[in-house]
Amino acid sequence: MRGTYAWKEECFLRISAYTLLACVLLPAVTQAQFAQPDGGTVRPGVLPLTWSTGGPKCMEMPEWQVHEYNPDLFILRQSGCTDYEKPFVYLFFGNARALLYDTGSRKGNLAPTLQHVVHQWLLRNQRKTIPLFVVHSHSHGDHVAGDANIQALHDPMMPVTFVAAAVEPTKALYGIKNWPEAIGTIDLGGRVLDAVPIPGHDVVSVALYDRQTAILLTGDSVYPGRIYIRDFDAFVRSTTRLVNFTKDKPVAHILGCHIEETRTPFLDYPVGTIYQPDEHELSLSRGTLLEMQAALDSLHGTPKRIAYRDFSLWPVGASFRLTDKTQSVFDKVQKYQLEHMWDQTKP
């Protein structure tokens, strides 16, 4: 094994200043890794190389893309042809119950696809029913728009327990006594999820860590895109809370609820884009979380908009509204893409 000084010298030669922080911290977090590269105790799964977005031909696009990460975890992505937000929602299955993280954006029509996936899972597992808990990453419209349709379901094969996107019901579900400092849990039956309060983007933002797959779901607080920060001080504390929570845990993927970055470093898609043929991968690493913490620390408490390789910090304040410039970009992008939604390949 190389000595510490030689290892740090390699870090200096190969990587950027912010990634260097991850190298310096690495000896302190090795307990989150496994002795050999054999997967350890983490249950594996597969992410697709690319996701469907919003085209190129909306006539051919389903409302939701369903991806089986493994037999008990499904990732569903809403089509940009229904709404430019294109959010991801996540469906976990345990032995005793299932859990749905978010219900999608406007015009998502999640209920039929959700029923299909649950029914197929029951068929494959030779079961007749499984209770479903419906929870949220936070309370914004592009994550709760499907709530009413899910609540209206009366499916004996998947009786629904709906948990509103508000602080008190969220605390009660996960057993969080001291919001937002304490960590909660929910047991799906042989599968425990940890709930980490991360307000800042929204007052009720919650990250979920799946101990089985070592996946960390971060909603709109960490993802490849524009990280809109409404309460800057709370967001800084929440990022530190996530870093501290994960320091002694393996993290296979950090998965947010959107993709707004392209595969070109530092370049994002304009707000309002529905078709993203060259979008960034969904998965981020814990290194990105460390980079975000370092970026926030460098601002010394003064909110500032700044772009990094895989994300941008966008402080917007509590009364978030699009600036005139951003609204103009949104209107232009939406007009063009909606006019071409039936064939985005044509100029």
Protein backbone atom coordinates (compact mmCIF):
# COMPACT_ATOMS: atom_id res chain seq x y z
CA MET A 1 0.00 0.00 0.00
CA ARG A 2 1.30 3.45 -0.88
CA GLY A 3 2.14 5.87 1.88
CA THR A 4 -0.22 8.70 2.78
CA TYR A 5 2.07 11.40 1.39
CA ALA A 6 2.50 9.72 -1.99
CA TRP A 7 -1.25 9.20 -2.20
CA LYS A 8 -1.98 12.87 -1.44
CA GLU A 9 0.60 13.96 -4.02
CA GLU A 10 -1.28 11.97 -6.65
CA CYS A 11 -4.48 13.72 -5.64
CA PHE A 12 -2.82 17.10 -6.20
CA LEU A 13 -1.63 16.08 -9.64
CA ARG A 14 -4.84 14.56 -10.91
CA ILE A 15 -7.87 16.39 -9.57
CA SER A 16 -9.52 19.73 -8.96
CA ALA A 17 -9.47 21.63 -5.70
CA TYR A 18 -12.95 20.57 -4.64
CA THR A 19 -12.43 16.94 -5.51
CA LEU A 20 -9.21 17.16 -3.52
CA LEU A 21 -11.32 17.66 -0.41
CA ALA A 22 -12.82 14.21 -0.98
CA CYS A 23 -9.31 12.73 -1.25
CA VAL A 24 -8.17 14.40 1.96
CA LEU A 25 -11.26 13.15 3.76
CA LEU A 26 -11.08 9.63 2.32
CA PRO A 27 -8.93 8.03 5.05
CA ALA A 28 -11.54 9.14 7.61
CA VAL A 29 -14.43 7.52 5.71
CA THR A 30 -12.94 4.19 4.68
CA GLN A 31 -15.25 2.45 7.10
CA ALA A 32 -18.01 3.16 4.56
CA GLN A 33 -16.25 0.92 2.03
CA PHE A 34 -15.75 -2.85 1.79
CA ALA A 35 -12.54 -4.80 2.16
CA GLN A 36 -12.73 -6.29 -1.34
CA PRO A 37 -14.41 -5.14 -4.58
CA ASP A 38 -17.02 -7.89 -4.41
CA GLY A 39 -20.11 -5.80 -3.65
CA GLY A 40 -19.97 -6.39 0.08
CA THR A 41 -23.44 -6.61 1.61
CA VAL A 42 -25.03 -4.20 -0.87
CA ARG A 43 -27.78 -5.66 -2.99
CA PRO A 44 -26.85 -4.79 -6.59
CA GLY A 45 -28.92 -3.31 -9.36
CA VAL A 46 -28.56 -1.74 -12.78
CA LEU A 47 -29.24 1.78 -14.04
CA PRO A 48 -29.91 2.35 -17.76
CA LEU A 49 -27.27 4.02 -19.91
CA THR A 50 -29.86 6.57 -21.02
CA TRP A 51 -33.39 7.56 -20.02
CA SER A 52 -36.33 8.49 -22.19
CA THR A 53 -36.93 12.23 -21.99
CA GLY A 54 -39.51 13.97 -24.17
CA GLY A 55 -39.14 12.68 -27.66
CA PRO A 56 -37.90 12.80 -30.30
CA LYS A 57 -41.47 11.89 -31.27
CA CYS A 58 -44.04 12.38 -28.54
CA MET A 59 -46.59 10.21 -30.35
CA GLU A 60 -44.30 7.27 -29.56
CA MET A 61 -43.60 8.14 -25.93
CA PRO A 62 -45.35 6.42 -23.00
CA GLU A 63 -46.40 8.64 -20.11
CA TRP A 64 -43.92 6.86 -17.84
CA GLN A 65 -40.71 4.93 -18.43
CA VAL A 66 -40.44 2.01 -16.00
CA HIS A 67 -36.98 0.73 -15.10
CA GLU A 68 -36.32 -2.29 -12.90
CA TYR A 69 -33.18 -1.49 -10.89
CA ASN A 70 -33.55 -4.90 -9.29
CA PRO A 71 -36.61 -7.09 -8.63
CA ASP A 72 -37.66 -5.02 -5.59
CA LEU A 73 -36.79 -1.45 -6.66
CA PHE A 74 -38.30 0.35 -9.61
CA ILE A 75 -37.50 3.80 -10.98
CA LEU A 76 -40.24 5.53 -12.95
CA ARG A 77 -39.62 8.61 -15.05
CA GLN A 78 -42.37 10.91 -16.29
CA SER A 79 -42.21 11.80 -19.97
CA GLY A 80 -41.25 15.34 -20.92
CA CYS A 81 -44.08 15.14 -23.43
CA THR A 82 -46.47 15.42 -20.48
CA ASP A 83 -44.48 18.01 -18.51
CA TYR A 84 -41.02 19.53 -18.94
CA GLU A 85 -40.08 18.75 -15.33
CA LYS A 86 -39.73 15.03 -16.20
CA PRO A 87 -39.43 13.92 -12.55
CA PHE A 88 -38.32 10.53 -11.33
CA VAL A 89 -40.32 8.62 -8.71
CA TYR A 90 -39.12 5.58 -6.81
CA LEU A 91 -40.97 2.41 -5.77
CA PHE A 92 -39.50 0.11 -3.08
CA PHE A 93 -40.81 -3.31 -2.10
CA GLY A 94 -40.19 -4.96 1.27
CA ASN A 95 -41.59 -8.18 2.66
CA ALA A 96 -44.47 -6.43 4.44
CA ARG A 97 -45.16 -3.24 2.49
CA ALA A 98 -44.13 -1.08 -0.46
CA LEU A 99 -43.20 2.60 -0.50
CA LEU A 100 -43.63 5.17 -3.29
CA TYR A 101 -41.42 8.28 -3.14
CA ASP A 102 -43.32 11.11 -4.93
CA THR A 103 -46.29 11.03 -7.31
CA GLY A 104 -45.07 13.06 -10.29
CA SER A 105 -45.79 16.36 -11.97
CA ARG A 106 -48.65 17.90 -13.92
CA LYS A 107 -50.50 15.61 -16.37
CA GLY A 108 -48.42 12.67 -15.20
CA ASN A 109 -51.27 10.18 -14.79
CA LEU A 110 -49.14 7.92 -12.60
CA ALA A 111 -51.92 5.72 -11.21
CA PRO A 112 -52.31 3.25 -14.13
CA THR A 113 -48.57 2.69 -14.45
CA LEU A 114 -48.18 2.33 -10.69
CA GLN A 115 -50.96 -0.26 -10.55
CA HIS A 116 -49.41 -2.20 -13.42
CA VAL A 117 -45.99 -2.39 -11.75
CA VAL A 118 -47.41 -3.40 -8.36
CA HIS A 119 -49.71 -6.01 -9.89
CA GLN A 120 -46.84 -7.51 -11.90
CA TRP A 121 -44.65 -7.62 -8.79
CA LEU A 122 -47.40 -9.44 -6.90
CA LEU A 123 -47.81 -11.91 -9.75
CA ARG A 124 -44.09 -12.61 -9.91
CA ASN A 125 -43.90 -13.07 -6.14
CA GLN A 126 -47.07 -15.18 -5.99
CA ARG A 127 -48.79 -12.78 -3.64
CA LYS A 128 -52.28 -11.33 -3.63
CA THR A 129 -51.75 -7.99 -1.93
CA ILE A 130 -49.20 -5.56 -0.48
CA PRO A 131 -49.89 -2.31 1.43
CA LEU A 132 -48.43 0.80 -0.21
CA PHE A 133 -47.12 3.86 1.64
CA VAL A 134 -47.08 7.03 -0.47
CA VAL A 135 -44.51 9.59 0.72
CA HIS A 136 -42.76 12.62 -0.77
CA SER A 137 -39.32 14.10 -1.27
CA HIS A 138 -40.87 17.54 -0.63
CA SER A 139 -44.06 19.49 -1.22
CA HIS A 140 -43.55 21.22 -4.59
CA GLY A 141 -46.12 20.76 -7.34
CA ASP A 142 -43.95 18.69 -9.67
CA HIS A 143 -43.67 16.03 -6.94
CA VAL A 144 -47.21 15.95 -5.52
CA ALA A 145 -49.38 16.55 -8.60
CA GLY A 146 -50.38 12.89 -8.74
CA ASP A 147 -51.51 12.77 -5.10
CA ALA A 148 -55.24 13.07 -5.76
CA ASN A 149 -55.30 10.28 -8.34
CA ILE A 150 -53.32 7.95 -6.09
CA GLN A 151 -55.57 8.73 -3.13
CA ALA A 152 -58.61 7.99 -5.28
CA LEU A 153 -57.42 4.45 -5.97
CA HIS A 154 -59.42 1.72 -4.27
CA ASP A 155 -57.37 -1.28 -5.25
CA PRO A 156 -57.60 -4.20 -2.81
CA MET A 157 -54.31 -5.53 -4.16
CA MET A 158 -52.46 -2.39 -3.02
CA PRO A 159 -54.26 -0.57 -0.18
CA VAL A 160 -52.75 2.92 0.07
CA THR A 161 -51.60 4.79 3.17
CA PHE A 162 -51.10 8.38 2.03
CA VAL A 163 -48.68 10.64 3.91
CA ALA A 164 -49.09 14.34 3.10
CA ALA A 165 -46.01 16.38 2.19
CA ALA A 166 -45.97 18.33 5.45
CA VAL A 167 -43.66 18.30 8.45
CA GLU A 168 -45.95 16.78 11.10
CA PRO A 169 -47.19 13.76 9.09
CA THR A 170 -43.63 13.16 7.90
CA LYS A 171 -42.26 13.25 11.45
CA ALA A 172 -44.95 10.82 12.58
CA LEU A 173 -44.32 8.32 9.80
CA TYR A 174 -40.57 8.08 10.31
CA GLY A 175 -40.58 8.58 14.07
CA ILE A 176 -38.55 11.81 13.88
CA LYS A 177 -38.81 13.46 17.29
CA ASN A 178 -36.56 16.47 16.71
CA TRP A 179 -37.03 17.98 13.23
CA PRO A 180 -34.77 18.52 11.34
CA GLU A 181 -31.79 17.34 13.40
CA ALA A 182 -32.91 13.78 14.15
CA ILE A 183 -32.91 10.82 11.75
CA GLY A 184 -35.98 8.62 11.33
CA THR A 185 -36.65 5.18 9.85
CA ILE A 186 -39.34 3.09 8.25
CA ASP A 187 -39.25 -0.71 8.08
CA LEU A 188 -40.83 -2.20 4.96
CA GLY A 189 -40.28 -5.73 6.26
CA GLY A 190 -36.70 -6.93 5.93
CA ARG A 191 -35.84 -3.56 4.38
CA VAL A 192 -35.15 -0.47 6.46
CA LEU A 193 -35.06 3.03 4.97
CA ASP A 194 -33.47 5.90 6.91
CA ALA A 195 -35.17 9.30 6.62
CA VAL A 196 -32.91 12.36 6.80
CA PRO A 197 -34.60 15.79 7.04
CA ILE A 198 -32.90 18.18 4.59
CA PRO A 199 -34.90 21.45 4.52
CA GLY A 200 -33.54 24.32 2.45
CA HIS A 201 -34.96 23.63 -0.98
CA ASP A 202 -38.32 23.17 0.76
CA VAL A 203 -39.35 23.16 4.42
CA VAL A 204 -40.26 19.46 4.29
CA SER A 205 -37.45 18.07 2.10
CA VAL A 206 -36.51 14.51 3.11
CA ALA A 207 -33.76 12.22 1.86
CA LEU A 208 -34.17 8.45 2.07
CA TYR A 209 -31.29 5.99 2.44
CA ASP A 210 -31.99 2.38 1.51
CA ARG A 211 -29.77 0.15 3.62
CA GLN A 212 -30.33 -2.75 1.26
CA THR A 213 -29.03 -1.15 -1.96
CA ALA A 214 -27.01 1.72 -0.41
CA ILE A 215 -28.95 4.17 -2.57
CA LEU A 216 -29.49 7.69 -1.23
CA LEU A 217 -32.53 9.53 -2.61
CA THR A 218 -32.15 13.30 -2.35
CA GLY A 219 -35.20 14.78 -4.10
CA ASP A 220 -34.40 18.26 -5.43
CA SER A 221 -31.53 18.90 -3.01
CA VAL A 222 -28.80 16.98 -4.85
CA TYR A 223 -29.17 16.10 -8.53
CA PRO A 224 -27.48 16.90 -11.86
CA GLY A 225 -29.07 20.28 -12.43
CA ARG A 226 -30.00 23.63 -10.93
CA ILE A 227 -30.27 23.31 -7.15
CA TYR A 228 -32.83 25.95 -6.19
CA ILE A 229 -32.14 27.06 -2.61
CA ARG A 230 -34.94 28.88 -0.82
CA ASP A 231 -33.48 28.92 2.72
CA PHE A 232 -29.71 29.17 2.33
CA ASP A 233 -28.74 28.66 5.99
CA ALA A 234 -31.03 25.65 6.33
CA PHE A 235 -29.68 24.19 3.09
CA VAL A 236 -26.08 24.49 4.32
CA ARG A 237 -26.98 22.70 7.55
CA SER A 238 -28.90 20.02 5.65
CA THR A 239 -25.96 19.35 3.33
CA THR A 240 -23.69 18.94 6.34
CA ARG A 241 -26.29 16.61 7.88
CA LEU A 242 -26.20 14.41 4.76
CA VAL A 243 -22.40 14.37 4.71
CA ASN A 244 -22.28 13.36 8.37
CA PHE A 245 -25.01 10.76 7.93
CA THR A 246 -23.20 9.05 5.04
CA LYS A 247 -19.66 9.18 6.43
CA ASP A 248 -19.83 5.63 7.85
CA LYS A 249 -22.15 4.15 5.20
CA PRO A 250 -21.60 2.79 1.70
CA VAL A 251 -23.25 4.94 -0.98
CA ALA A 252 -23.82 3.14 -4.28
CA HIS A 253 -25.72 6.01 -5.92
CA ILE A 254 -27.10 9.40 -5.05
CA LEU A 255 -30.32 9.69 -7.03
CA GLY A 256 -32.30 12.92 -7.27
CA CYS A 257 -35.62 13.59 -8.94
CA HIS A 258 -34.53 15.51 -12.07
CA ILE A 259 -31.82 15.75 -14.70
CA GLU A 260 -31.11 19.23 -16.07
CA GLU A 261 -27.40 18.99 -16.89
CA THR A 262 -26.03 17.85 -20.23
CA ARG A 263 -23.12 15.41 -20.56
CA THR A 264 -20.92 18.43 -21.25
CA PRO A 265 -19.42 19.61 -17.93
CA PHE A 266 -20.86 22.89 -16.59
CA LEU A 267 -23.56 23.03 -19.29
CA ASP A 268 -27.25 22.61 -18.44
CA TYR A 269 -30.40 22.49 -20.53
CA PRO A 270 -32.45 25.71 -20.52
CA VAL A 271 -35.43 25.77 -18.18
CA GLY A 272 -38.48 24.43 -19.99
CA THR A 273 -36.65 21.80 -22.07
CA ILE A 274 -38.70 18.67 -22.71
CA TYR A 275 -36.36 16.77 -25.05
CA GLN A 276 -32.85 16.14 -23.68
CA PRO A 277 -31.07 13.66 -25.98
CA ASP A 278 -27.63 14.31 -24.44
CA GLU A 279 -28.51 14.57 -20.78
CA HIS A 280 -26.25 13.83 -17.81
CA GLU A 281 -26.55 10.45 -16.10
CA LEU A 282 -28.96 10.35 -13.15
CA SER A 283 -26.52 8.89 -10.63
CA LEU A 284 -24.12 11.03 -8.62
CA SER A 285 -21.57 9.90 -6.03
CA ARG A 286 -20.85 10.90 -2.47
CA GLY A 287 -17.97 12.90 -3.93
CA THR A 288 -20.55 15.25 -5.44
CA LEU A 289 -22.08 15.70 -2.00
CA LEU A 290 -18.66 16.58 -0.58
CA GLU A 291 -18.10 19.00 -3.44
CA MET A 292 -21.43 20.66 -2.71
CA GLN A 293 -20.55 21.03 0.95
CA ALA A 294 -17.19 22.60 0.05
CA ALA A 295 -18.90 24.91 -2.45
CA LEU A 296 -21.38 26.11 0.16
CA ASP A 297 -18.63 26.62 2.72
CA SER A 298 -16.67 28.73 0.23
CA LEU A 299 -19.56 31.21 0.05
CA HIS A 300 -19.17 32.02 3.78
CA GLY A 301 -22.90 32.46 4.34
CA THR A 302 -23.48 34.76 1.34
CA PRO A 303 -25.85 33.17 -1.22
CA LYS A 304 -24.44 33.24 -4.74
CA ARG A 305 -25.33 31.54 -7.99
CA ILE A 306 -22.42 29.46 -9.26
CA ALA A 307 -21.96 26.51 -11.62
CA TYR A 308 -19.96 23.37 -10.96
CA ARG A 309 -19.24 20.40 -13.18
CA ASP A 310 -22.37 18.40 -12.42
CA PHE A 311 -24.71 20.88 -10.70
CA SER A 312 -25.35 24.57 -10.12
CA LEU A 313 -26.21 26.34 -6.89
CA TRP A 314 -29.18 28.66 -7.49
CA PRO A 315 -30.18 30.59 -4.35
CA VAL A 316 -33.63 32.04 -5.01
CA GLY A 317 -35.00 33.09 -1.63
CA ALA A 318 -38.26 32.11 0.03
CA SER A 319 -40.51 33.94 -2.47
CA PHE A 320 -39.11 32.12 -5.47
CA ARG A 321 -40.16 33.41 -8.87
CA LEU A 322 -38.52 33.32 -12.26
CA THR A 323 -36.63 36.46 -13.19
CA ASP A 324 -37.75 38.27 -16.32
CA LYS A 325 -34.71 36.89 -18.16
CA THR A 326 -35.35 33.31 -17.05
CA GLN A 327 -39.06 33.61 -17.83
CA SER A 328 -38.17 34.82 -21.33
CA VAL A 329 -35.89 31.80 -21.84
CA PHE A 330 -38.59 29.45 -20.52
CA ASP A 331 -41.24 30.89 -22.85
CA LYS A 332 -38.96 30.66 -25.88
CA VAL A 333 -37.82 27.09 -25.15
CA GLN A 334 -41.35 25.85 -24.43
CA LYS A 335 -42.77 27.46 -27.56
CA TYR A 336 -40.16 25.89 -29.81
CA GLN A 337 -40.24 22.41 -28.27
CA LEU A 338 -44.02 22.19 -28.03
CA GLU A 339 -44.28 23.18 -31.68
CA HIS A 340 -41.84 20.39 -32.56
CA MET A 341 -42.92 17.76 -30.02
CA TRP A 342 -44.17 15.41 -32.73
CA ASP A 343 -40.75 15.36 -34.39
CA GLN A 344 -37.89 17.00 -32.50
CA THR A 345 -35.42 15.92 -35.18
CA LYS A 346 -36.71 18.49 -37.63
CA PRO A 347 -35.21 22.03 -37.49
